[in-house]
Amino acid sequence: MSKNYRILDLIRRGRTPLENHLIDGLIDGRISRREFVRHGSLLGLSLPLLGRIGMAAGFGAAPSLARAGAPGATIRVGSSVPAAAIDPVTIADAGGLLVMQQVAEFLCVDGPDLVLKPALAESWSPNTDGTVWTFKLRKGVKFHSGGEMKADDVVASIDRLADPANSSNALSVFTGILQKGASKKVDDYTVEFHLDAPNGNFPYMLSSDNYNAVIIPASYKGGYEQSFDGTGPFKLEKYTPKVGASFVRNDDYWGEKALPDRTEFTFFTDIQPQILALQGGQIDIINQMPVLAGVAVLNDPNVDVISLKSSAHQQLHMHCDEGPTKDARVRRAIALCLDREKLAAGLMKGRSALGNDSPFAPVYPSTDTSVPQRKQDIAQAKQLMEAAGAGQGFKMTLTTERYLEIPEYAQLIQNWVKEIGIELELNILDQSAYYGDAVFGKSNWLDSAMGITDYGHRGVPNVYLAAPLKSDGTWNAAHFKNKDYDQMAASYIAALDLEAQKATAGKIQKLLLEETPAIFGYFYDYLTATAKGVAGVQPTAMSQLFLEKASKG
């Protein structure tokens, strides 16, 4: 299709220089339509406006949404048991956040395409340097308990999460970005967030990407399991800890009313009983299904598998300040032992993307795809070991968690590094023993010289860039301290412009290939299984499950 410059000029008149630069990138072909829509949504441009710009730029209309299914079903879900009491401030596990998200909503939602969509906020925009973001709230939204959601509720909800005294799980997101007291009410339907430093990806920190950031009443004092108060399309019918929960349609919902009459959640301690329940017709959905345990389901004609590309990965850290991996050449040698194509095709059954030893997953628009992919090269690995004075090899312990396919991944690494003389002893622990208190000195995860840790999906790489890799990172198990890296990470996080993000991402990717404090072997797909005839289910790679459009055939 040809470009309509008259319409483009009309649209440009009310836009900021930053927004017009993004439009230029689409017209000139420097960025793809997918990148344009995703980054435009981040800057607060509405999806209809982004669609009009795409049409005027010659890309044709966006595909229309599938039609709605029949109302009235009961949708039954199998999930893991919540690990602790359900509380928006502290919840940190997939089972708990799944239940909470059924009733409570976010300012915006990060979809499977990483495009931000308005929810409780109608729009948002940054100031010129990205230090202040202003969110406009939706009017007429009611909590299940009756009051209208306003700016006071948003400020109180985010302040709770940013307050170090509350031991909030979201401190991993907000520390160094947003302090308690920096969320400010402008009027009943406008909130400004004053950041510690410029941040080009900040709306993701207030979206479903930060699963604690649900908006609940300002009056909340704890005891969430007694109320389950929120603004969502479903409201609580019954919750039984360790057993399950049920929800019914919220007929006072601000948006389109949910299709299902009810949703039921059954908690399971293991994946195999969930698979048997799905195949036996007792449940309709398995929220998350690991690849290896779910092989039978992947080939079952009575089951549909929803597969989402994600940034979730199993990160292998190596101490950079002591022991045999102190030398970057040894760390690179270990990384060169991995056969990543075999990992993706064999271990992950084709349900993953290759990792290139940085957090920049293929799913991110800002990833620099021109950086060469690291491949297995045993000869070069042996040369690096010799040059580092480690040609005779050494013994080392690899400590990790018993979770998903990690034990099998550890065994593959153990076999591969034998070829360069490294003997790895595997120390595979249950998750509670591996993570410990999750602070240095009291955690096998953070204190092990070499370890594999599961990192769940994030819609932007900010947390991965900071917590495990910055010199002062709270999860820096590799003891990686590099001033150049710290500056690059800060530059990436501050950048508002997609092309500036890409330029910095390329520098970071090259530096991490050189230093290799951690190995990113693959990024695994997030899999949700549904019974045939169940439609309209929308999972996210964060373990959330949006069921308001779900139906049964």
Protein backbone atom coordinates (compact mmCIF):
# COMPACT_ATOMS: atom_id res chain seq x y z
CA MET A 1 0.00 0.00 0.00
CA SER A 2 1.12 3.58 -0.66
CA LYS A 3 1.76 6.14 2.08
CA ASN A 4 -0.82 8.87 2.79
CA TYR A 5 1.37 11.84 3.72
CA ARG A 6 -1.61 14.20 4.19
CA ILE A 7 -3.01 12.07 7.02
CA LEU A 8 0.48 11.50 8.45
CA ASP A 9 1.07 15.28 8.52
CA LEU A 10 -2.25 15.85 10.30
CA ILE A 11 -1.40 13.18 12.91
CA ARG A 12 2.10 14.62 13.44
CA ARG A 13 0.87 18.09 14.40
CA GLY A 14 -0.18 17.11 17.90
CA ARG A 15 2.72 14.79 18.63
CA THR A 16 5.93 15.27 20.64
CA PRO A 17 9.40 15.15 18.97
CA LEU A 18 9.92 11.70 20.53
CA GLU A 19 6.65 10.38 19.06
CA ASN A 20 7.41 11.89 15.63
CA HIS A 21 10.85 10.28 15.64
CA LEU A 22 9.15 6.91 16.20
CA ILE A 23 6.74 7.62 13.29
CA ASP A 24 9.76 8.51 11.10
CA GLY A 25 11.38 5.19 11.97
CA LEU A 26 8.30 3.30 10.74
CA ILE A 27 7.99 5.34 7.50
CA ASP A 28 11.73 5.07 6.73
CA GLY A 29 11.84 1.33 7.43
CA ARG A 30 14.31 1.60 10.32
CA ILE A 31 11.86 -0.17 12.63
CA SER A 32 9.22 -2.81 11.91
CA ARG A 33 5.49 -2.42 12.42
CA ARG A 34 5.68 -4.77 15.41
CA GLU A 35 8.41 -2.64 17.00
CA PHE A 36 6.44 0.52 16.21
CA VAL A 37 3.23 -0.68 17.87
CA ARG A 38 5.02 -2.06 20.91
CA HIS A 39 7.14 1.06 21.51
CA GLY A 40 4.29 3.43 20.65
CA SER A 41 2.14 1.76 23.32
CA LEU A 42 4.96 2.24 25.82
CA LEU A 43 5.03 5.99 25.08
CA GLY A 44 1.28 6.13 25.72
CA LEU A 45 -0.03 6.30 22.14
CA SER A 46 -3.44 4.61 21.93
CA LEU A 47 -3.84 1.41 19.91
CA PRO A 48 -6.44 3.01 17.55
CA LEU A 49 -4.00 5.88 16.86
CA LEU A 50 -1.13 3.46 16.24
CA GLY A 51 -3.42 1.58 13.84
CA ARG A 52 -4.25 4.80 11.94
CA ILE A 53 -0.57 5.69 11.66
CA GLY A 54 0.22 2.17 10.38
CA MET A 55 -2.55 2.47 7.75
CA ALA A 56 -1.33 5.92 6.62
CA ALA A 57 2.25 4.61 6.46
CA GLY A 58 1.13 1.94 3.98
CA PHE A 59 0.93 -1.13 6.22
CA GLY A 60 -2.78 -1.90 5.84
CA ALA A 61 -5.26 -2.58 8.61
CA ALA A 62 -4.33 -4.56 11.70
CA PRO A 63 -5.99 -8.01 11.90
CA SER A 64 -9.41 -7.92 13.57
CA LEU A 65 -10.05 -9.74 16.82
CA ALA A 66 -11.75 -13.15 16.81
CA ARG A 67 -15.46 -13.10 17.61
CA ALA A 68 -16.61 -13.80 21.15
CA GLY A 69 -17.67 -17.27 22.22
CA ALA A 70 -20.86 -18.31 24.01
CA PRO A 71 -21.48 -16.93 27.53
CA GLY A 72 -22.35 -18.89 30.66
CA ALA A 73 -19.61 -21.52 31.02
CA THR A 74 -17.78 -22.63 34.16
CA ILE A 75 -14.06 -22.58 33.35
CA ARG A 76 -11.96 -24.96 35.49
CA VAL A 77 -8.23 -24.31 35.95
CA GLY A 78 -5.43 -26.40 37.42
CA SER A 79 -2.52 -24.53 38.99
CA SER A 80 0.28 -24.83 41.51
CA VAL A 81 -0.51 -24.34 45.20
CA PRO A 82 0.03 -20.75 46.40
CA ALA A 83 3.26 -20.85 48.44
CA ALA A 84 2.14 -18.31 51.04
CA ALA A 85 -0.81 -16.15 52.09
CA ILE A 86 -2.30 -14.17 49.19
CA ASP A 87 -1.18 -10.56 49.65
CA PRO A 88 -0.57 -8.12 46.80
CA VAL A 89 2.46 -6.65 48.60
CA THR A 90 4.39 -9.85 49.20
CA ILE A 91 3.08 -12.44 46.72
CA ALA A 92 5.94 -13.95 44.73
CA ASP A 93 4.78 -17.32 43.38
CA ALA A 94 2.84 -18.33 40.29
CA GLY A 95 -0.06 -19.99 42.12
CA GLY A 96 -0.64 -16.99 44.37
CA LEU A 97 -0.40 -14.29 41.74
CA LEU A 98 -2.73 -16.23 39.43
CA VAL A 99 -5.50 -16.23 42.05
CA MET A 100 -4.96 -12.56 43.01
CA GLN A 101 -5.04 -11.46 39.36
CA GLN A 102 -8.54 -12.91 38.91
CA VAL A 103 -10.01 -10.10 41.03
CA ALA A 104 -7.45 -7.26 41.00
CA GLU A 105 -6.29 -5.21 37.99
CA PHE A 106 -3.32 -3.17 36.80
CA LEU A 107 -3.02 0.32 35.36
CA CYS A 108 -2.07 -1.29 32.05
CA VAL A 109 -1.60 -4.83 30.74
CA ASP A 110 1.45 -6.25 28.96
CA GLY A 111 0.09 -8.63 26.33
CA PRO A 112 1.82 -11.67 24.78
CA ASP A 113 3.07 -9.37 21.99
CA LEU A 114 4.64 -7.09 24.67
CA VAL A 115 2.25 -4.29 23.60
CA LEU A 116 0.94 -2.29 26.56
CA LYS A 117 -2.85 -1.93 26.63
CA PRO A 118 -4.82 0.45 28.87
CA ALA A 119 -6.67 -1.04 31.84
CA LEU A 120 -7.31 1.09 34.95
CA ALA A 121 -5.30 3.87 33.29
CA GLU A 122 -6.68 5.29 30.05
CA SER A 123 -3.40 6.87 28.95
CA TRP A 124 0.12 7.80 30.06
CA SER A 125 2.99 9.97 28.84
CA PRO A 126 6.55 10.93 29.87
CA ASN A 127 8.07 14.38 30.33
CA THR A 128 10.93 15.27 27.96
CA ASP A 129 13.64 13.27 29.78
CA GLY A 130 11.57 10.38 31.16
CA THR A 131 11.95 11.38 34.83
CA VAL A 132 8.21 12.01 35.34
CA TRP A 133 5.42 9.84 33.89
CA THR A 134 1.80 11.04 34.10
CA PHE A 135 -1.05 8.51 34.15
CA LYS A 136 -4.69 9.44 33.46
CA LEU A 137 -7.11 7.12 35.28
CA ARG A 138 -10.35 5.63 34.01
CA LYS A 139 -13.47 7.16 35.61
CA GLY A 140 -16.34 5.19 37.10
CA VAL A 141 -14.31 2.11 38.11
CA LYS A 142 -15.73 0.47 41.24
CA PHE A 143 -14.05 -1.83 43.75
CA HIS A 144 -15.93 -5.00 44.63
CA SER A 145 -16.42 -3.46 48.09
CA GLY A 146 -18.29 -0.53 46.52
CA GLY A 147 -16.09 2.58 46.45
CA GLU A 148 -14.83 4.24 43.27
CA MET A 149 -11.17 3.74 42.36
CA LYS A 150 -9.37 7.11 42.33
CA ALA A 151 -5.87 8.57 42.46
CA ASP A 152 -5.61 8.09 46.25
CA ASP A 153 -5.96 4.33 45.77
CA VAL A 154 -3.29 4.26 43.05
CA VAL A 155 -0.84 6.33 45.11
CA ALA A 156 -1.40 4.18 48.22
CA SER A 157 -1.08 0.90 46.25
CA ILE A 158 2.24 1.88 44.63
CA ASP A 159 3.62 3.51 47.81
CA ARG A 160 3.02 0.22 49.68
CA LEU A 161 5.15 -1.60 47.12
CA ALA A 162 7.92 1.04 47.08
CA ASP A 163 8.22 1.19 50.88
CA PRO A 164 11.24 -0.89 52.05
CA ALA A 165 9.54 -1.34 55.45
CA ASN A 166 6.87 -3.56 53.85
CA SER A 167 9.31 -6.18 52.47
CA SER A 168 7.44 -5.88 49.18
CA ASN A 169 8.28 -8.39 46.46
CA ALA A 170 8.14 -5.46 43.98
CA LEU A 171 11.22 -3.80 45.54
CA SER A 172 13.26 -5.74 42.95
CA VAL A 173 11.49 -3.57 40.35
CA PHE A 174 11.17 -0.23 42.18
CA THR A 175 14.50 0.06 44.05
CA GLY A 176 16.52 2.84 42.44
CA ILE A 177 13.56 3.76 40.23
CA LEU A 178 10.63 4.88 42.39
CA GLN A 179 10.65 5.72 46.08
CA LYS A 180 7.83 5.81 48.60
CA GLY A 181 6.27 9.29 48.39
CA ALA A 182 7.27 9.83 44.75
CA SER A 183 3.80 8.85 43.45
CA LYS A 184 1.79 12.10 43.54
CA LYS A 185 -1.93 12.78 43.13
CA VAL A 186 -2.59 15.67 40.72
CA ASP A 187 -6.38 15.32 40.87
CA ASP A 188 -8.82 12.43 41.44
CA TYR A 189 -8.02 10.92 38.03
CA THR A 190 -4.38 11.93 37.44
CA VAL A 191 -1.21 10.56 39.08
CA GLU A 192 2.41 11.63 38.47
CA PHE A 193 5.30 9.27 39.17
CA HIS A 194 8.55 11.14 39.92
CA LEU A 195 11.45 8.77 39.26
CA ASP A 196 14.95 8.62 40.76
CA ALA A 197 16.42 8.71 37.23
CA PRO A 198 15.20 8.77 33.62
CA ASN A 199 13.46 5.53 32.66
CA GLY A 200 12.24 4.85 29.13
CA ASN A 201 10.40 1.61 30.03
CA PHE A 202 8.67 2.78 33.22
CA PRO A 203 5.03 1.99 32.24
CA TYR A 204 6.00 -1.71 32.28
CA MET A 205 6.83 -1.31 35.99
CA LEU A 206 3.15 -0.43 36.62
CA SER A 207 1.70 -3.06 34.29
CA SER A 208 0.91 -6.76 34.62
CA ASP A 209 4.65 -7.20 33.98
CA ASN A 210 5.11 -6.25 37.66
CA TYR A 211 2.61 -8.72 39.06
CA ASN A 212 2.42 -7.07 42.51
CA ALA A 213 1.28 -3.73 41.02
CA VAL A 214 -2.47 -4.34 41.28
CA ILE A 215 -4.58 -1.42 42.48
CA ILE A 216 -6.47 -2.02 45.73
CA PRO A 217 -8.22 0.42 48.10
CA ALA A 218 -6.13 3.03 49.90
CA SER A 219 -7.64 1.77 53.16
CA TYR A 220 -6.04 -1.71 52.80
CA LYS A 221 -4.35 -2.84 56.02
CA GLY A 222 -3.63 -6.51 55.25
CA GLY A 223 -5.68 -9.73 55.40
CA TYR A 224 -6.31 -9.84 51.66
CA GLU A 225 -7.61 -13.42 51.77
CA GLN A 226 -10.62 -12.18 53.78
CA SER A 227 -11.70 -9.66 51.13
CA PHE A 228 -10.07 -10.32 47.74
CA ASP A 229 -11.11 -6.75 46.97
CA GLY A 230 -10.33 -5.47 43.49
CA THR A 231 -11.82 -3.96 40.35
CA GLY A 232 -11.70 -7.01 38.08
CA PRO A 233 -14.29 -8.80 35.91
CA PHE A 234 -14.60 -11.60 38.49
CA LYS A 235 -15.18 -11.45 42.24
CA LEU A 236 -14.52 -14.06 44.91
CA GLU A 237 -17.04 -16.79 45.63
CA LYS A 238 -14.88 -19.00 47.86
CA TYR A 239 -11.21 -19.44 48.74
CA THR A 240 -9.82 -22.47 50.60
CA PRO A 241 -6.04 -22.29 51.25
CA LYS A 242 -4.06 -25.21 49.76
CA VAL A 243 -7.22 -26.52 48.05
CA GLY A 244 -8.70 -24.07 45.56
CA ALA A 245 -10.80 -21.02 44.78
CA SER A 246 -13.89 -20.06 42.80
CA PHE A 247 -15.02 -16.75 41.32
CA VAL A 248 -18.22 -15.41 39.79
CA ARG A 249 -18.85 -12.74 37.14
CA ASN A 250 -18.74 -9.15 38.45
CA ASP A 251 -21.88 -7.59 36.96
CA ASP A 252 -20.75 -4.11 38.07
CA TYR A 253 -17.53 -4.34 36.05
CA TRP A 254 -16.44 -1.12 34.29
CA GLY A 255 -15.69 -2.86 31.00
CA GLU A 256 -17.21 -5.64 28.93
CA LYS A 257 -18.82 -8.20 31.23
CA ALA A 258 -17.04 -11.54 31.48
CA LEU A 259 -18.40 -14.41 29.37
CA PRO A 260 -18.06 -17.21 31.99
CA ASP A 261 -20.56 -17.39 34.86
CA ARG A 262 -17.91 -18.94 37.11
CA THR A 263 -14.26 -19.91 37.21
CA GLU A 264 -12.87 -22.64 39.45
CA PHE A 265 -9.23 -23.12 40.43
CA THR A 266 -7.90 -26.41 41.81
CA PHE A 267 -4.44 -26.40 43.40
CA PHE A 268 -2.00 -29.24 42.67
CA THR A 269 1.39 -29.96 44.24
CA ASP A 270 2.77 -31.53 41.04
CA ILE A 271 2.29 -31.35 37.27
CA GLN A 272 1.44 -35.04 36.60
CA PRO A 273 -1.90 -34.99 38.51
CA GLN A 274 -2.80 -31.82 36.55
CA ILE A 275 -2.13 -33.63 33.26
CA LEU A 276 -4.29 -36.59 34.36
CA ALA A 277 -7.06 -34.18 35.45
CA LEU A 278 -7.00 -32.41 32.06
CA GLN A 279 -7.01 -35.68 30.12
CA GLY A 280 -9.76 -37.07 32.39
CA GLY A 281 -12.03 -34.04 31.94
CA GLN A 282 -11.85 -32.76 35.55
CA ILE A 283 -10.21 -29.45 34.53
CA ASP A 284 -10.22 -27.39 31.32
CA ILE A 285 -6.86 -25.58 31.59
CA ILE A 286 -3.35 -26.20 32.94
CA ASN A 287 -2.00 -22.71 33.60
CA GLN A 288 1.69 -23.55 33.02
CA MET A 289 3.06 -26.77 31.61
CA PRO A 290 6.80 -27.53 31.55
CA VAL A 291 8.09 -29.03 28.32
CA LEU A 292 9.67 -32.26 29.59
CA ALA A 293 6.85 -33.21 31.97
CA GLY A 294 4.24 -32.29 29.38
CA VAL A 295 5.50 -34.27 26.36
CA ALA A 296 2.42 -36.53 26.43
CA VAL A 297 0.11 -33.51 26.35
CA LEU A 298 2.02 -31.83 23.48
CA ASN A 299 1.03 -34.77 21.25
CA ASP A 300 -2.52 -35.31 22.59
CA PRO A 301 -5.17 -34.57 19.89
CA ASN A 302 -7.72 -33.69 22.60
CA VAL A 303 -5.53 -30.89 23.96
CA ASP A 304 -4.61 -27.49 22.51
CA VAL A 305 -1.33 -25.92 23.60
CA ILE A 306 -0.98 -22.12 23.70
CA SER A 307 2.72 -21.34 23.22
CA LEU A 308 4.00 -17.85 24.04
CA LYS A 309 7.49 -16.64 23.14
CA SER A 310 9.05 -15.23 26.29
CA SER A 311 12.20 -13.90 27.93
CA ALA A 312 12.09 -16.55 30.70
CA HIS A 313 15.39 -18.39 31.03
CA GLN A 314 17.68 -20.52 33.19
CA GLN A 315 20.65 -18.27 33.99
CA LEU A 316 24.01 -19.95 34.72
CA HIS A 317 26.17 -17.62 36.83
CA MET A 318 29.94 -18.01 37.48
CA HIS A 319 31.98 -16.19 40.12
CA CYS A 320 34.03 -13.46 38.43
CA ASP A 321 36.20 -12.57 41.45
CA GLU A 322 37.55 -15.90 42.73
CA GLY A 323 38.25 -19.52 41.83
CA PRO A 324 38.91 -20.92 38.35
CA THR A 325 36.14 -18.83 36.74
CA LYS A 326 37.82 -15.58 37.86
CA ASP A 327 39.42 -15.49 34.38
CA ALA A 328 36.97 -14.37 31.68
CA ARG A 329 38.67 -16.75 29.21
CA VAL A 330 37.59 -19.72 31.34
CA ARG A 331 34.03 -18.41 31.49
CA ARG A 332 33.98 -17.98 27.69
CA ALA A 333 35.40 -21.50 27.28
CA ILE A 334 32.56 -22.96 29.36
CA ALA A 335 30.01 -21.00 27.29
CA LEU A 336 31.55 -22.35 24.06
CA CYS A 337 30.94 -25.93 25.22
CA LEU A 338 27.14 -25.60 24.99
CA ASP A 339 25.38 -26.90 21.90
CA ARG A 340 22.52 -24.41 21.89
CA GLU A 341 20.76 -25.85 18.84
CA LYS A 342 20.64 -29.23 20.62
CA LEU A 343 19.29 -27.53 23.75
CA ALA A 344 16.47 -25.88 21.78
CA ALA A 345 15.58 -28.93 19.68
CA GLY A 346 16.23 -31.71 22.20
CA LEU A 347 15.85 -30.58 25.80
CA MET A 348 13.20 -27.97 24.97
CA LYS A 349 11.45 -29.92 22.14
CA GLY A 350 11.60 -26.87 19.87
CA ARG A 351 9.76 -24.72 22.42
CA SER A 352 12.52 -22.16 23.03
CA ALA A 353 14.74 -19.58 21.35
CA LEU A 354 18.56 -19.59 21.34
CA GLY A 355 20.27 -17.52 24.03
CA ASN A 356 23.39 -15.46 23.31
CA ASP A 357 24.70 -14.92 26.86
CA SER A 358 22.91 -11.65 27.55
CA PRO A 359 19.39 -10.82 28.80
CA PHE A 360 18.44 -9.55 25.34
CA ALA A 361 16.03 -12.26 24.23
CA PRO A 362 14.84 -12.46 20.59
CA VAL A 363 11.37 -11.41 21.81
CA TYR A 364 12.60 -7.88 22.69
CA PRO A 365 12.34 -5.20 19.96
CA SER A 366 15.47 -3.51 21.38
CA THR A 367 17.68 -6.61 20.94
CA ASP A 368 20.48 -6.02 18.41
CA THR A 369 20.11 -9.03 16.10
CA SER A 370 23.31 -8.15 14.20
CA VAL A 371 25.46 -9.40 17.11
CA PRO A 372 26.75 -12.87 16.05
CA GLN A 373 25.21 -15.89 17.80
CA ARG A 374 27.68 -17.83 20.00
CA LYS A 375 27.93 -21.45 18.86
CA GLN A 376 29.59 -24.58 20.22
CA ASP A 377 33.35 -24.54 19.49
CA ILE A 378 35.29 -27.06 21.57
CA ALA A 379 38.63 -26.31 19.82
CA GLN A 380 38.40 -22.62 20.65
CA ALA A 381 37.29 -23.48 24.21
CA LYS A 382 40.43 -25.62 24.69
CA GLN A 383 42.63 -22.79 23.37
CA LEU A 384 41.06 -20.36 25.85
CA MET A 385 41.63 -22.82 28.73
CA GLU A 386 45.31 -23.16 27.75
CA ALA A 387 45.74 -19.38 27.46
CA ALA A 388 44.22 -18.97 30.92
CA GLY A 389 46.62 -21.54 32.41
CA ALA A 390 43.76 -23.98 33.02
CA GLY A 391 44.60 -26.47 30.27
CA GLN A 392 44.71 -29.35 32.77
CA GLY A 393 41.13 -28.65 33.77
CA PHE A 394 39.72 -28.42 37.29
CA LYS A 395 36.92 -29.61 39.57
CA MET A 396 33.99 -27.42 40.53
CA THR A 397 30.48 -27.72 42.02
CA LEU A 398 27.39 -26.58 40.11
CA THR A 399 24.56 -25.83 42.54
CA THR A 400 21.00 -25.49 41.32
CA GLU A 401 17.27 -25.95 41.96
CA ARG A 402 14.96 -28.85 41.21
CA TYR A 403 12.57 -26.97 38.92
CA LEU A 404 11.26 -27.46 35.37
CA GLU A 405 14.04 -28.93 33.16
CA ILE A 406 16.96 -27.45 35.14
CA PRO A 407 18.34 -30.79 36.51
CA GLU A 408 18.51 -32.20 32.96
CA TYR A 409 20.09 -28.95 31.71
CA ALA A 410 22.74 -29.23 34.46
CA GLN A 411 23.55 -32.81 33.39
CA LEU A 412 24.02 -31.70 29.76
CA ILE A 413 26.42 -28.95 30.86
CA GLN A 414 28.27 -31.44 33.08
CA ASN A 415 28.80 -33.72 30.03
CA TRP A 416 29.77 -30.92 27.64
CA VAL A 417 32.46 -29.34 29.85
CA LYS A 418 34.17 -32.72 30.35
CA GLU A 419 35.54 -32.18 26.84
CA ILE A 420 37.73 -29.32 28.11
CA GLY A 421 38.79 -31.10 31.31
CA ILE A 422 36.26 -29.62 33.75
CA GLU A 423 34.72 -32.03 36.26
CA LEU A 424 31.44 -30.66 37.57
CA GLU A 425 29.82 -32.10 40.67
CA LEU A 426 26.07 -31.39 40.64
CA ASN A 427 24.38 -30.18 43.83
CA ILE A 428 20.65 -30.16 43.03
CA LEU A 429 18.50 -28.79 45.86
CA ASP A 430 14.79 -28.25 46.37
CA GLN A 431 13.77 -24.66 45.77
CA SER A 432 13.52 -23.55 49.39
CA ALA A 433 17.04 -24.83 50.13
CA TYR A 434 18.44 -23.28 46.95
CA TYR A 435 17.04 -19.78 47.47
CA GLY A 436 17.39 -19.74 51.27
CA ASP A 437 16.82 -16.21 52.58
CA ALA A 438 17.67 -14.77 49.11
CA VAL A 439 20.35 -12.51 50.59
CA PHE A 440 24.13 -12.83 50.33
CA GLY A 441 25.57 -15.06 53.05
CA LYS A 442 22.27 -16.93 53.52
CA SER A 443 21.47 -18.33 50.09
CA ASN A 444 22.91 -21.21 48.04
CA TRP A 445 21.70 -19.29 44.97
CA LEU A 446 23.65 -16.10 45.71
CA ASP A 447 26.64 -17.75 47.41
CA SER A 448 27.43 -20.62 45.01
CA ALA A 449 30.53 -20.27 42.79
CA MET A 450 28.45 -21.64 39.89
CA GLY A 451 24.68 -22.01 39.81
CA ILE A 452 21.62 -22.21 37.55
CA THR A 453 18.63 -20.05 38.47
CA ASP A 454 15.20 -19.77 36.87
CA TYR A 455 14.28 -16.22 35.85
CA GLY A 456 10.62 -15.69 34.91
CA HIS A 457 9.49 -13.62 31.93
CA ARG A 458 9.64 -9.81 31.87
CA GLY A 459 8.27 -7.61 29.09
CA VAL A 460 11.38 -5.41 29.18
CA PRO A 461 14.93 -6.45 30.22
CA ASN A 462 15.40 -3.77 32.93
CA VAL A 463 15.28 -6.10 35.94
CA TYR A 464 17.59 -8.65 34.26
CA LEU A 465 20.07 -5.89 33.38
CA ALA A 466 20.17 -4.49 36.91
CA ALA A 467 19.58 -7.07 39.68
CA PRO A 468 21.91 -9.92 38.54
CA LEU A 469 24.52 -7.94 36.57
CA LYS A 470 25.07 -4.42 37.93
CA SER A 471 27.93 -4.03 40.44
CA ASP A 472 25.46 -3.29 43.24
CA GLY A 473 22.76 -5.66 41.94
CA THR A 474 20.66 -7.34 44.64
CA TRP A 475 20.91 -10.70 42.80
CA ASN A 476 24.52 -10.43 41.54
CA ALA A 477 25.42 -14.07 42.20
CA ALA A 478 28.29 -13.85 39.66
CA HIS A 479 30.01 -11.07 41.69
CA PHE A 480 30.30 -9.23 38.36
CA LYS A 481 31.63 -5.69 38.78
CA ASN A 482 32.24 -3.71 35.61
CA LYS A 483 31.95 0.10 35.47
CA ASP A 484 31.52 0.15 31.68
CA TYR A 485 28.64 -2.30 31.99
CA ASP A 486 27.01 -0.28 34.79
CA GLN A 487 27.10 2.87 32.63
CA MET A 488 25.71 1.05 29.59
CA ALA A 489 22.87 -0.49 31.61
CA ALA A 490 21.99 2.94 33.05
CA SER A 491 22.01 4.42 29.51
CA TYR A 492 19.73 1.68 28.19
CA ILE A 493 17.28 2.07 31.09
CA ALA A 494 17.19 5.87 30.63
CA ALA A 495 16.62 5.82 26.85
CA LEU A 496 13.13 6.84 25.69
CA ASP A 497 13.85 6.23 22.00
CA LEU A 498 13.75 2.68 20.55
CA GLU A 499 16.73 3.24 18.25
CA ALA A 500 18.81 4.59 21.15
CA GLN A 501 17.84 1.51 23.16
CA LYS A 502 18.95 -0.77 20.29
CA ALA A 503 22.31 0.99 19.94
CA THR A 504 23.06 0.58 23.64
CA ALA A 505 21.73 -3.00 23.67
CA GLY A 506 24.29 -3.95 20.99
CA LYS A 507 27.14 -2.59 23.12
CA ILE A 508 25.87 -4.48 26.18
CA GLN A 509 25.48 -7.71 24.22
CA LYS A 510 29.09 -7.51 22.94
CA LEU A 511 30.50 -6.67 26.37
CA LEU A 512 28.67 -9.59 28.00
CA LEU A 513 29.90 -12.00 25.30
CA GLU A 514 33.44 -10.86 26.13
CA GLU A 515 33.03 -11.06 29.93
CA THR A 516 30.45 -13.90 30.18
CA PRO A 517 29.54 -13.52 33.87
CA ALA A 518 26.45 -15.60 33.10
CA ILE A 519 25.38 -18.01 30.37
CA PHE A 520 21.95 -17.54 28.80
CA GLY A 521 21.60 -20.80 26.85
CA TYR A 522 17.94 -20.48 25.79
CA PHE A 523 14.74 -18.53 26.42
CA TYR A 524 11.86 -20.92 26.96
CA ASP A 525 8.31 -20.63 25.64
CA TYR A 526 5.49 -20.32 28.15
CA LEU A 527 3.03 -23.18 27.58
CA THR A 528 -0.63 -23.32 28.63
CA ALA A 529 -2.73 -26.42 27.88
CA THR A 530 -6.49 -26.31 27.25
CA ALA A 531 -9.05 -28.99 26.53
CA LYS A 532 -10.41 -29.04 22.96
CA GLY A 533 -13.35 -26.65 22.59
CA VAL A 534 -12.12 -24.18 25.22
CA ALA A 535 -11.55 -20.81 23.51
CA GLY A 536 -10.74 -17.21 24.39
CA VAL A 537 -8.17 -18.09 27.06
CA GLN A 538 -5.38 -15.48 27.27
CA PRO A 539 -2.35 -16.49 29.34
CA THR A 540 0.71 -14.30 29.83
CA ALA A 541 4.28 -15.53 30.25
CA MET A 542 4.14 -14.01 33.78
CA SER A 543 1.80 -16.89 34.87
CA GLN A 544 -1.34 -14.77 34.66
CA LEU A 545 -4.52 -16.05 33.03
CA PHE A 546 -7.16 -13.67 31.66
CA LEU A 547 -10.44 -15.60 31.46
CA GLU A 548 -13.08 -12.90 30.84
CA LYS A 549 -13.40 -13.95 27.16
CA ALA A 550 -13.17 -17.71 27.79
CA SER A 551 -15.88 -20.04 26.52
CA LYS A 552 -16.55 -23.72 25.88
CA GLY A 553 -17.62 -25.10 22.52
